[in-house]
Amino acid sequence: MSDNISAQATDDRNQLAVLPSQRDRRQGSLNAKVVLVEYGDYQCPRCRELHTLIQTMQERHNTSEQNDLCLVYRHFPQPQIHPQTQKAAAAAEAAAAQGQFWQMHDILFAHQQELGDGYLAEYADNLGLDVTQFVRDLYKQVHIARINEDIESGLQSGVTAAPALFINGIQYSGRWNIEQLKPAIVAASH
């Protein structure tokens, strides 16, 4: 009996505990053939590599068939390694409150080494956001509960570090390159 329980526990760690929903930051339909759930950290170089890979995959899928691919992004900041990442996640959420999550998301990955307060305010200004509201949201930590919910859902799914990627609910364990990621996504679409 205990062998079955431990085997089940091992299997569960590779599965997404909190399924994607309308609550999530996403690009594409939750009914897509392939739903990618990424747990990321804006200051992590490997997360930036995955971000670039996923953008490439999205471009290729969007030119072939619509509604094939959905990307869900969940925060998994690792402040013990990356001191600015928690504030960057809050900046993404503050931008989301003004309808600009994905635009800020891309900027944060493009400028991983420039995530101080002044830079974040500049990015908000460049996006045409209400900078006063944006800065107020950061200062008052308005979005910390949402970020913590993402972290908790990652922990429930066995995520221990970013990046972590789930393809249709199963954790991807291959290498972070197009040669291995693309076949995994194609296989999931069938």
C-alpha atoms as a PDB file:
ATOM      1  CA  MET A   1       0.000   0.000   0.000  1.00  0.00           C
ATOM      2  CA  SER A   2       2.760   2.474   0.879  1.00  0.00           C
ATOM      3  CA  ASP A   3       4.472   1.806  -2.489  1.00  0.00           C
ATOM      4  CA  ASN A   4       1.316   2.914  -4.311  1.00  0.00           C
ATOM      5  CA  ILE A   5       1.067   6.056  -2.210  1.00  0.00           C
ATOM      6  CA  SER A   6       4.710   7.039  -2.829  1.00  0.00           C
ATOM      7  CA  ALA A   7       4.362   6.311  -6.562  1.00  0.00           C
ATOM      8  CA  GLN A   8       1.258   8.515  -6.676  1.00  0.00           C
ATOM      9  CA  ALA A   9       3.051  11.307  -4.792  1.00  0.00           C
ATOM     10  CA  THR A  10       5.947  11.164  -7.255  1.00  0.00           C
ATOM     11  CA  ASP A  11       3.545  11.380 -10.204  1.00  0.00           C
ATOM     12  CA  ASP A  12       1.686  14.330  -8.669  1.00  0.00           C
ATOM     13  CA  ARG A  13       4.885  16.356  -8.367  1.00  0.00           C
ATOM     14  CA  ASN A  14       5.181  16.400 -12.148  1.00  0.00           C
ATOM     15  CA  GLN A  15       1.626  17.638 -12.638  1.00  0.00           C
ATOM     16  CA  LEU A  16       0.208  21.110 -12.422  1.00  0.00           C
ATOM     17  CA  ALA A  17      -1.715  21.414  -9.141  1.00  0.00           C
ATOM     18  CA  VAL A  18      -3.594  24.628 -10.016  1.00  0.00           C
ATOM     19  CA  LEU A  19      -5.070  24.469 -13.502  1.00  0.00           C
ATOM     20  CA  PRO A  20      -5.010  27.565 -15.739  1.00  0.00           C
ATOM     21  CA  SER A  21      -8.030  29.824 -15.393  1.00  0.00           C
ATOM     22  CA  GLN A  22      -9.350  33.256 -16.271  1.00  0.00           C
ATOM     23  CA  ARG A  23      -7.392  34.569 -13.274  1.00  0.00           C
ATOM     24  CA  ASP A  24      -4.067  33.860 -14.980  1.00  0.00           C
ATOM     25  CA  ARG A  25      -2.003  36.198 -17.142  1.00  0.00           C
ATOM     26  CA  ARG A  26      -2.272  34.499 -20.498  1.00  0.00           C
ATOM     27  CA  GLN A  27      -1.888  34.874 -24.237  1.00  0.00           C
ATOM     28  CA  GLY A  28      -4.285  32.704 -26.183  1.00  0.00           C
ATOM     29  CA  SER A  29      -7.323  30.667 -25.328  1.00  0.00           C
ATOM     30  CA  LEU A  30      -7.461  28.293 -22.386  1.00  0.00           C
ATOM     31  CA  ASN A  31      -9.106  25.897 -24.860  1.00  0.00           C
ATOM     32  CA  ALA A  32      -6.001  25.788 -27.063  1.00  0.00           C
ATOM     33  CA  LYS A  33      -4.577  22.399 -28.031  1.00  0.00           C
ATOM     34  CA  VAL A  34      -1.406  23.208 -26.085  1.00  0.00           C
ATOM     35  CA  VAL A  35      -1.416  25.226 -22.869  1.00  0.00           C
ATOM     36  CA  LEU A  36       2.007  26.191 -21.561  1.00  0.00           C
ATOM     37  CA  VAL A  37       2.251  27.298 -17.944  1.00  0.00           C
ATOM     38  CA  GLU A  38       5.541  28.968 -17.169  1.00  0.00           C
ATOM     39  CA  TYR A  39       6.787  29.776 -13.692  1.00  0.00           C
ATOM     40  CA  GLY A  40       9.362  32.501 -14.091  1.00  0.00           C
ATOM     41  CA  ASP A  41      11.677  35.005 -12.468  1.00  0.00           C
ATOM     42  CA  TYR A  42      12.362  38.256 -14.326  1.00  0.00           C
ATOM     43  CA  GLN A  43      16.009  38.400 -13.274  1.00  0.00           C
ATOM     44  CA  CYS A  44      16.871  34.775 -14.094  1.00  0.00           C
ATOM     45  CA  PRO A  45      18.980  34.334 -17.281  1.00  0.00           C
ATOM     46  CA  ARG A  46      17.500  30.875 -17.965  1.00  0.00           C
ATOM     47  CA  CYS A  47      13.983  32.336 -17.692  1.00  0.00           C
ATOM     48  CA  ARG A  48      14.951  34.923 -20.285  1.00  0.00           C
ATOM     49  CA  GLU A  49      16.184  32.138 -22.587  1.00  0.00           C
ATOM     50  CA  LEU A  50      12.871  30.312 -22.127  1.00  0.00           C
ATOM     51  CA  HIS A  51      11.000  33.575 -22.780  1.00  0.00           C
ATOM     52  CA  THR A  52      12.810  33.908 -26.118  1.00  0.00           C
ATOM     53  CA  LEU A  53      12.130  30.245 -27.002  1.00  0.00           C
ATOM     54  CA  ILE A  54       8.445  30.586 -26.229  1.00  0.00           C
ATOM     55  CA  GLN A  55       8.187  33.791 -28.285  1.00  0.00           C
ATOM     56  CA  THR A  56       9.703  31.891 -31.227  1.00  0.00           C
ATOM     57  CA  MET A  57       7.243  29.026 -30.727  1.00  0.00           C
ATOM     58  CA  GLN A  58       4.298  31.462 -30.506  1.00  0.00           C
ATOM     59  CA  GLU A  59       5.319  33.170 -33.747  1.00  0.00           C
ATOM     60  CA  ARG A  60       5.508  29.837 -35.541  1.00  0.00           C
ATOM     61  CA  HIS A  61       2.179  28.623 -34.142  1.00  0.00           C
ATOM     62  CA  ASN A  62       0.378  31.899 -34.830  1.00  0.00           C
ATOM     63  CA  THR A  63       1.323  31.745 -38.488  1.00  0.00           C
ATOM     64  CA  SER A  64       0.100  28.162 -38.872  1.00  0.00           C
ATOM     65  CA  GLU A  65      -3.122  27.698 -36.926  1.00  0.00           C
ATOM     66  CA  GLN A  66      -4.929  30.033 -34.576  1.00  0.00           C
ATOM     67  CA  ASN A  67      -5.933  28.733 -31.147  1.00  0.00           C
ATOM     68  CA  ASP A  68      -3.115  26.160 -31.122  1.00  0.00           C
ATOM     69  CA  LEU A  69      -1.086  27.593 -28.271  1.00  0.00           C
ATOM     70  CA  CYS A  70      -1.847  29.376 -25.009  1.00  0.00           C
ATOM     71  CA  LEU A  71       0.849  30.770 -22.739  1.00  0.00           C
ATOM     72  CA  VAL A  72       0.176  31.285 -19.051  1.00  0.00           C
ATOM     73  CA  TYR A  73       2.787  33.147 -17.038  1.00  0.00           C
ATOM     74  CA  ARG A  74       3.006  32.742 -13.272  1.00  0.00           C
ATOM     75  CA  HIS A  75       5.467  34.502 -11.025  1.00  0.00           C
ATOM     76  CA  PHE A  76       8.100  32.462  -9.199  1.00  0.00           C
ATOM     77  CA  PRO A  77      10.591  35.069  -8.010  1.00  0.00           C
ATOM     78  CA  GLN A  78      13.734  33.836  -6.279  1.00  0.00           C
ATOM     79  CA  PRO A  79      14.832  36.896  -4.272  1.00  0.00           C
ATOM     80  CA  GLN A  80      17.536  34.931  -2.465  1.00  0.00           C
ATOM     81  CA  ILE A  81      19.336  34.704  -5.840  1.00  0.00           C
ATOM     82  CA  HIS A  82      17.919  37.712  -7.709  1.00  0.00           C
ATOM     83  CA  PRO A  83      17.362  40.712  -5.409  1.00  0.00           C
ATOM     84  CA  GLN A  84      15.250  42.788  -7.861  1.00  0.00           C
ATOM     85  CA  THR A  85      12.945  40.027  -9.067  1.00  0.00           C
ATOM     86  CA  GLN A  86      10.167  40.492  -6.486  1.00  0.00           C
ATOM     87  CA  LYS A  87       9.877  44.179  -7.386  1.00  0.00           C
ATOM     88  CA  ALA A  88       9.942  43.295 -11.096  1.00  0.00           C
ATOM     89  CA  ALA A  89       7.029  40.871 -10.592  1.00  0.00           C
ATOM     90  CA  ALA A  90       5.157  43.646  -8.764  1.00  0.00           C
ATOM     91  CA  ALA A  91       5.923  46.006 -11.671  1.00  0.00           C
ATOM     92  CA  ALA A  92       4.437  43.503 -14.137  1.00  0.00           C
ATOM     93  CA  GLU A  93       1.298  43.294 -12.007  1.00  0.00           C
ATOM     94  CA  ALA A  94       1.108  47.077 -11.595  1.00  0.00           C
ATOM     95  CA  ALA A  95       1.287  47.330 -15.392  1.00  0.00           C
ATOM     96  CA  ALA A  96      -1.391  44.615 -15.655  1.00  0.00           C
ATOM     97  CA  ALA A  97      -3.691  46.740 -13.520  1.00  0.00           C
ATOM     98  CA  GLN A  98      -3.454  49.289 -16.347  1.00  0.00           C
ATOM     99  CA  GLY A  99      -3.852  46.720 -19.150  1.00  0.00           C
ATOM    100  CA  GLN A 100      -0.166  46.394 -20.074  1.00  0.00           C
ATOM    101  CA  PHE A 101       1.053  43.142 -18.487  1.00  0.00           C
ATOM    102  CA  TRP A 102       2.575  41.535 -21.572  1.00  0.00           C
ATOM    103  CA  GLN A 103       4.226  44.738 -22.717  1.00  0.00           C
ATOM    104  CA  MET A 104       5.909  45.174 -19.307  1.00  0.00           C
ATOM    105  CA  HIS A 105       6.678  41.434 -19.202  1.00  0.00           C
ATOM    106  CA  ASP A 106       8.684  41.717 -22.432  1.00  0.00           C
ATOM    107  CA  ILE A 107      10.485  44.865 -21.250  1.00  0.00           C
ATOM    108  CA  LEU A 108      11.480  43.264 -17.945  1.00  0.00           C
ATOM    109  CA  PHE A 109      13.033  40.272 -19.690  1.00  0.00           C
ATOM    110  CA  ALA A 110      14.773  42.527 -22.205  1.00  0.00           C
ATOM    111  CA  HIS A 111      16.299  44.624 -19.407  1.00  0.00           C
ATOM    112  CA  GLN A 112      17.044  42.046 -16.705  1.00  0.00           C
ATOM    113  CA  GLN A 113      20.022  43.957 -15.339  1.00  0.00           C
ATOM    114  CA  GLU A 114      18.081  47.239 -15.116  1.00  0.00           C
ATOM    115  CA  LEU A 115      15.277  46.594 -12.647  1.00  0.00           C
ATOM    116  CA  GLY A 116      15.785  49.351 -10.084  1.00  0.00           C
ATOM    117  CA  ASP A 117      12.981  51.745  -9.151  1.00  0.00           C
ATOM    118  CA  GLY A 118      14.021  54.452 -11.604  1.00  0.00           C
ATOM    119  CA  TYR A 119      14.137  52.001 -14.494  1.00  0.00           C
ATOM    120  CA  LEU A 120      10.746  50.520 -13.617  1.00  0.00           C
ATOM    121  CA  ALA A 121       9.167  53.987 -13.539  1.00  0.00           C
ATOM    122  CA  GLU A 122      10.817  54.775 -16.880  1.00  0.00           C
ATOM    123  CA  TYR A 123       9.416  51.583 -18.423  1.00  0.00           C
ATOM    124  CA  ALA A 124       5.958  52.470 -17.105  1.00  0.00           C
ATOM    125  CA  ASP A 125       6.271  55.947 -18.586  1.00  0.00           C
ATOM    126  CA  ASN A 126       7.421  54.536 -21.941  1.00  0.00           C
ATOM    127  CA  LEU A 127       4.294  52.345 -21.994  1.00  0.00           C
ATOM    128  CA  GLY A 128       2.098  55.356 -21.343  1.00  0.00           C
ATOM    129  CA  LEU A 129       0.995  54.147 -17.923  1.00  0.00           C
ATOM    130  CA  ASP A 130      -0.157  56.402 -15.115  1.00  0.00           C
ATOM    131  CA  VAL A 131       3.284  56.491 -13.465  1.00  0.00           C
ATOM    132  CA  THR A 132       1.999  57.927 -10.196  1.00  0.00           C
ATOM    133  CA  GLN A 133      -0.450  55.016  -9.814  1.00  0.00           C
ATOM    134  CA  PHE A 134       2.221  52.537 -10.939  1.00  0.00           C
ATOM    135  CA  VAL A 135       4.728  53.770  -8.330  1.00  0.00           C
ATOM    136  CA  ARG A 136       2.023  53.880  -5.653  1.00  0.00           C
ATOM    137  CA  ASP A 137       1.118  50.257  -6.408  1.00  0.00           C
ATOM    138  CA  LEU A 138       4.769  49.236  -6.043  1.00  0.00           C
ATOM    139  CA  TYR A 139       5.294  51.220  -2.842  1.00  0.00           C
ATOM    140  CA  LYS A 140       2.123  49.899  -1.196  1.00  0.00           C
ATOM    141  CA  GLN A 141       2.782  46.324  -2.419  1.00  0.00           C
ATOM    142  CA  VAL A 142      -0.738  46.184  -3.843  1.00  0.00           C
ATOM    143  CA  HIS A 143      -0.077  43.045  -5.903  1.00  0.00           C
ATOM    144  CA  ILE A 144       1.912  40.958  -3.413  1.00  0.00           C
ATOM    145  CA  ALA A 145      -1.006  38.579  -2.712  1.00  0.00           C
ATOM    146  CA  ARG A 146      -1.317  37.671  -6.402  1.00  0.00           C
ATOM    147  CA  ILE A 147       2.418  37.027  -6.685  1.00  0.00           C
ATOM    148  CA  ASN A 148       2.302  34.877  -3.547  1.00  0.00           C
ATOM    149  CA  GLU A 149      -0.632  32.890  -5.002  1.00  0.00           C
ATOM    150  CA  ASP A 150       1.487  32.136  -8.080  1.00  0.00           C
ATOM    151  CA  ILE A 151       4.412  31.039  -5.899  1.00  0.00           C
ATOM    152  CA  GLU A 152       2.138  28.827  -3.791  1.00  0.00           C
ATOM    153  CA  SER A 153       0.625  27.184  -6.884  1.00  0.00           C
ATOM    154  CA  GLY A 154       4.148  26.486  -8.119  1.00  0.00           C
ATOM    155  CA  LEU A 155       5.173  24.937  -4.821  1.00  0.00           C
ATOM    156  CA  GLN A 156       2.031  22.755  -4.877  1.00  0.00           C
ATOM    157  CA  SER A 157       3.115  21.550  -8.331  1.00  0.00           C
ATOM    158  CA  GLY A 158       6.627  20.659  -7.180  1.00  0.00           C
ATOM    159  CA  VAL A 159       8.349  23.729  -8.600  1.00  0.00           C
ATOM    160  CA  THR A 160      11.567  24.387  -6.715  1.00  0.00           C
ATOM    161  CA  ALA A 161      13.242  26.869  -9.059  1.00  0.00           C
ATOM    162  CA  ALA A 162      12.522  28.977 -12.110  1.00  0.00           C
ATOM    163  CA  PRO A 163      12.139  28.433 -14.928  1.00  0.00           C
ATOM    164  CA  ALA A 164       9.583  25.664 -14.710  1.00  0.00           C
ATOM    165  CA  LEU A 165       7.318  24.824 -17.625  1.00  0.00           C
ATOM    166  CA  PHE A 166       4.218  22.676 -17.768  1.00  0.00           C
ATOM    167  CA  ILE A 167       2.875  21.497 -21.125  1.00  0.00           C
ATOM    168  CA  ASN A 168      -0.807  20.550 -20.872  1.00  0.00           C
ATOM    169  CA  GLY A 169      -0.377  20.107 -17.137  1.00  0.00           C
ATOM    170  CA  ILE A 170       2.762  17.925 -17.194  1.00  0.00           C
ATOM    171  CA  GLN A 171       6.126  19.364 -16.156  1.00  0.00           C
ATOM    172  CA  TYR A 172       8.599  19.624 -19.010  1.00  0.00           C
ATOM    173  CA  SER A 173      11.950  18.104 -18.089  1.00  0.00           C
ATOM    174  CA  GLY A 174      13.890  18.439 -21.339  1.00  0.00           C
ATOM    175  CA  ARG A 175      16.534  20.961 -22.280  1.00  0.00           C
ATOM    176  CA  TRP A 176      15.729  24.633 -22.856  1.00  0.00           C
ATOM    177  CA  ASN A 177      16.330  24.620 -26.609  1.00  0.00           C
ATOM    178  CA  ILE A 178      14.120  24.709 -29.681  1.00  0.00           C
ATOM    179  CA  GLU A 179      15.261  21.233 -30.809  1.00  0.00           C
ATOM    180  CA  GLN A 180      13.751  19.601 -27.713  1.00  0.00           C
ATOM    181  CA  LEU A 181      10.975  22.000 -26.739  1.00  0.00           C
ATOM    182  CA  LYS A 182       9.304  22.095 -30.153  1.00  0.00           C
ATOM    183  CA  PRO A 183       8.792  18.297 -30.423  1.00  0.00           C
ATOM    184  CA  ALA A 184       7.380  18.236 -26.869  1.00  0.00           C
ATOM    185  CA  ILE A 185       4.856  20.933 -27.817  1.00  0.00           C
ATOM    186  CA  VAL A 186       3.999  19.242 -31.115  1.00  0.00           C
ATOM    187  CA  ALA A 187       3.472  15.907 -29.327  1.00  0.00           C
ATOM    188  CA  ALA A 188       1.179  17.585 -26.806  1.00  0.00           C
ATOM    189  CA  SER A 189      -0.963  19.019 -29.599  1.00  0.00           C
ATOM    190  CA  HIS A 190      -1.949  15.554 -30.869  1.00  0.00           C
END
